[in-house]
């Protein structure tokens, strides 16, 4: 599921000019309710492929960094407090 970063509503697939896009349901119903524009499906597929490649080639390093920062956050030692 894709959630809108502006309002939190779930995205849905929509065909626009014979091209597949993903659009925030709230924006699609009333654009004054949410400013998020539609995203071409190709952009989402490409972003997923880039993320997948990064995780398969550098996953250990990425997850170790996430864990390290998560521990710092949990202990209250945030980046701007160091």
C-alpha atoms as a PDB file:
ATOM      1  CA  UNK A   1       0.000   0.000   0.000  1.00  0.00           C
ATOM      2  CA  UNK A   2       1.133   3.515  -0.755  1.00  0.00           C
ATOM      3  CA  UNK A   3       0.177   6.241   1.715  1.00  0.00           C
ATOM      4  CA  UNK A   4       0.110   9.961   0.957  1.00  0.00           C
ATOM      5  CA  UNK A   5       2.894  11.857   2.723  1.00  0.00           C
ATOM      6  CA  UNK A   6       0.692  14.960   2.864  1.00  0.00           C
ATOM      7  CA  UNK A   7      -2.546  13.634   4.388  1.00  0.00           C
ATOM      8  CA  UNK A   8      -1.983   9.929   5.093  1.00  0.00           C
ATOM      9  CA  UNK A   9      -4.716   8.715   2.746  1.00  0.00           C
ATOM     10  CA  UNK A  10      -4.105   5.565   0.708  1.00  0.00           C
ATOM     11  CA  UNK A  11      -3.173   5.957  -2.961  1.00  0.00           C
ATOM     12  CA  UNK A  12      -5.109   4.209  -5.713  1.00  0.00           C
ATOM     13  CA  UNK A  13      -4.244   3.349  -9.290  1.00  0.00           C
ATOM     14  CA  UNK A  14      -5.722   5.595 -11.963  1.00  0.00           C
ATOM     15  CA  UNK A  15      -5.378   5.661 -15.744  1.00  0.00           C
ATOM     16  CA  UNK A  16      -4.607   9.178 -17.049  1.00  0.00           C
ATOM     17  CA  UNK A  17      -4.202   9.678 -20.817  1.00  0.00           C
ATOM     18  CA  UNK A  18      -3.740   5.919 -21.227  1.00  0.00           C
ATOM     19  CA  UNK A  19      -0.897   5.943 -18.666  1.00  0.00           C
ATOM     20  CA  UNK A  20      -0.996   4.311 -15.248  1.00  0.00           C
ATOM     21  CA  UNK A  21      -0.620   6.716 -12.295  1.00  0.00           C
ATOM     22  CA  UNK A  22      -1.028   6.446  -8.543  1.00  0.00           C
ATOM     23  CA  UNK A  23      -3.054   9.190  -6.906  1.00  0.00           C
ATOM     24  CA  UNK A  24      -4.037  10.144  -3.363  1.00  0.00           C
ATOM     25  CA  UNK A  25      -7.729   9.296  -2.950  1.00  0.00           C
ATOM     26  CA  UNK A  26      -8.408  12.504  -1.040  1.00  0.00           C
ATOM     27  CA  UNK A  27      -6.667  14.678  -3.686  1.00  0.00           C
ATOM     28  CA  UNK A  28      -8.491  12.850  -6.475  1.00  0.00           C
ATOM     29  CA  UNK A  29     -11.852  13.493  -4.832  1.00  0.00           C
ATOM     30  CA  UNK A  30     -11.143  17.158  -3.935  1.00  0.00           C
ATOM     31  CA  UNK A  31      -7.760  18.707  -4.764  1.00  0.00           C
ATOM     32  CA  UNK A  32      -8.293  21.459  -2.169  1.00  0.00           C
ATOM     33  CA  UNK A  33      -8.122  18.759   0.539  1.00  0.00           C
ATOM     34  CA  UNK A  34      -4.595  17.565  -0.361  1.00  0.00           C
ATOM     35  CA  UNK A  35      -1.820  19.042  -2.505  1.00  0.00           C
ATOM     36  CA  UNK A  36      -0.179  15.712  -3.472  1.00  0.00           C
ATOM     37  CA  UNK A  37       0.028  15.273  -7.249  1.00  0.00           C
ATOM     38  CA  UNK A  38      -0.322  11.942  -9.029  1.00  0.00           C
ATOM     39  CA  UNK A  39       2.789   9.815  -9.508  1.00  0.00           C
ATOM     40  CA  UNK A  40       3.417   7.876 -12.732  1.00  0.00           C
ATOM     41  CA  UNK A  41       3.565   4.122 -12.078  1.00  0.00           C
ATOM     42  CA  UNK A  42       6.933   3.938 -13.849  1.00  0.00           C
ATOM     43  CA  UNK A  43       8.436   6.281 -11.227  1.00  0.00           C
ATOM     44  CA  UNK A  44       7.182   4.044  -8.432  1.00  0.00           C
ATOM     45  CA  UNK A  45       8.510   0.908 -10.144  1.00  0.00           C
ATOM     46  CA  UNK A  46      11.888   2.566 -10.720  1.00  0.00           C
ATOM     47  CA  UNK A  47      12.090   3.711  -7.091  1.00  0.00           C
ATOM     48  CA  UNK A  48      11.251   0.193  -5.900  1.00  0.00           C
ATOM     49  CA  UNK A  49      13.906  -1.291  -8.194  1.00  0.00           C
ATOM     50  CA  UNK A  50      16.550   1.168  -6.924  1.00  0.00           C
ATOM     51  CA  UNK A  51      15.678   0.355  -3.311  1.00  0.00           C
ATOM     52  CA  UNK A  52      15.712  -3.380  -4.011  1.00  0.00           C
ATOM     53  CA  UNK A  53      19.143  -3.131  -5.674  1.00  0.00           C
ATOM     54  CA  UNK A  54      20.568  -1.076  -2.783  1.00  0.00           C
ATOM     55  CA  UNK A  55      19.238  -3.535  -0.211  1.00  0.00           C
ATOM     56  CA  UNK A  56      20.552  -6.585  -2.071  1.00  0.00           C
ATOM     57  CA  UNK A  57      24.009  -5.076  -2.540  1.00  0.00           C
ATOM     58  CA  UNK A  58      24.402  -3.026   0.683  1.00  0.00           C
ATOM     59  CA  UNK A  59      21.662  -4.386   2.928  1.00  0.00           C
ATOM     60  CA  UNK A  60      23.898  -5.283   5.873  1.00  0.00           C
ATOM     61  CA  UNK A  61      25.444  -1.828   6.021  1.00  0.00           C
ATOM     62  CA  UNK A  62      22.076  -0.084   5.605  1.00  0.00           C
ATOM     63  CA  UNK A  63      20.394  -2.137   8.339  1.00  0.00           C
ATOM     64  CA  UNK A  64      23.339  -1.721  10.725  1.00  0.00           C
ATOM     65  CA  UNK A  65      23.091   2.050  10.288  1.00  0.00           C
ATOM     66  CA  UNK A  66      19.327   1.963  10.890  1.00  0.00           C
ATOM     67  CA  UNK A  67      19.809  -0.121  14.038  1.00  0.00           C
ATOM     68  CA  UNK A  68      22.599   2.152  15.314  1.00  0.00           C
ATOM     69  CA  UNK A  69      20.457   5.288  14.900  1.00  0.00           C
ATOM     70  CA  UNK A  70      17.401   3.546  16.347  1.00  0.00           C
ATOM     71  CA  UNK A  71      19.371   2.726  19.497  1.00  0.00           C
ATOM     72  CA  UNK A  72      20.568   6.348  19.746  1.00  0.00           C
ATOM     73  CA  UNK A  73      16.993   7.590  19.391  1.00  0.00           C
ATOM     74  CA  UNK A  74      15.771   5.119  21.991  1.00  0.00           C
ATOM     75  CA  UNK A  75      18.448   6.290  24.433  1.00  0.00           C
ATOM     76  CA  UNK A  76      17.585   9.937  23.730  1.00  0.00           C
ATOM     77  CA  UNK A  77      20.879  10.711  22.019  1.00  0.00           C
ATOM     78  CA  UNK A  78      19.514  12.229  18.854  1.00  0.00           C
ATOM     79  CA  UNK A  79      21.768  13.611  16.149  1.00  0.00           C
ATOM     80  CA  UNK A  80      21.231  17.248  17.101  1.00  0.00           C
ATOM     81  CA  UNK A  81      21.993  16.492  20.785  1.00  0.00           C
ATOM     82  CA  UNK A  82      25.452  14.988  20.192  1.00  0.00           C
END
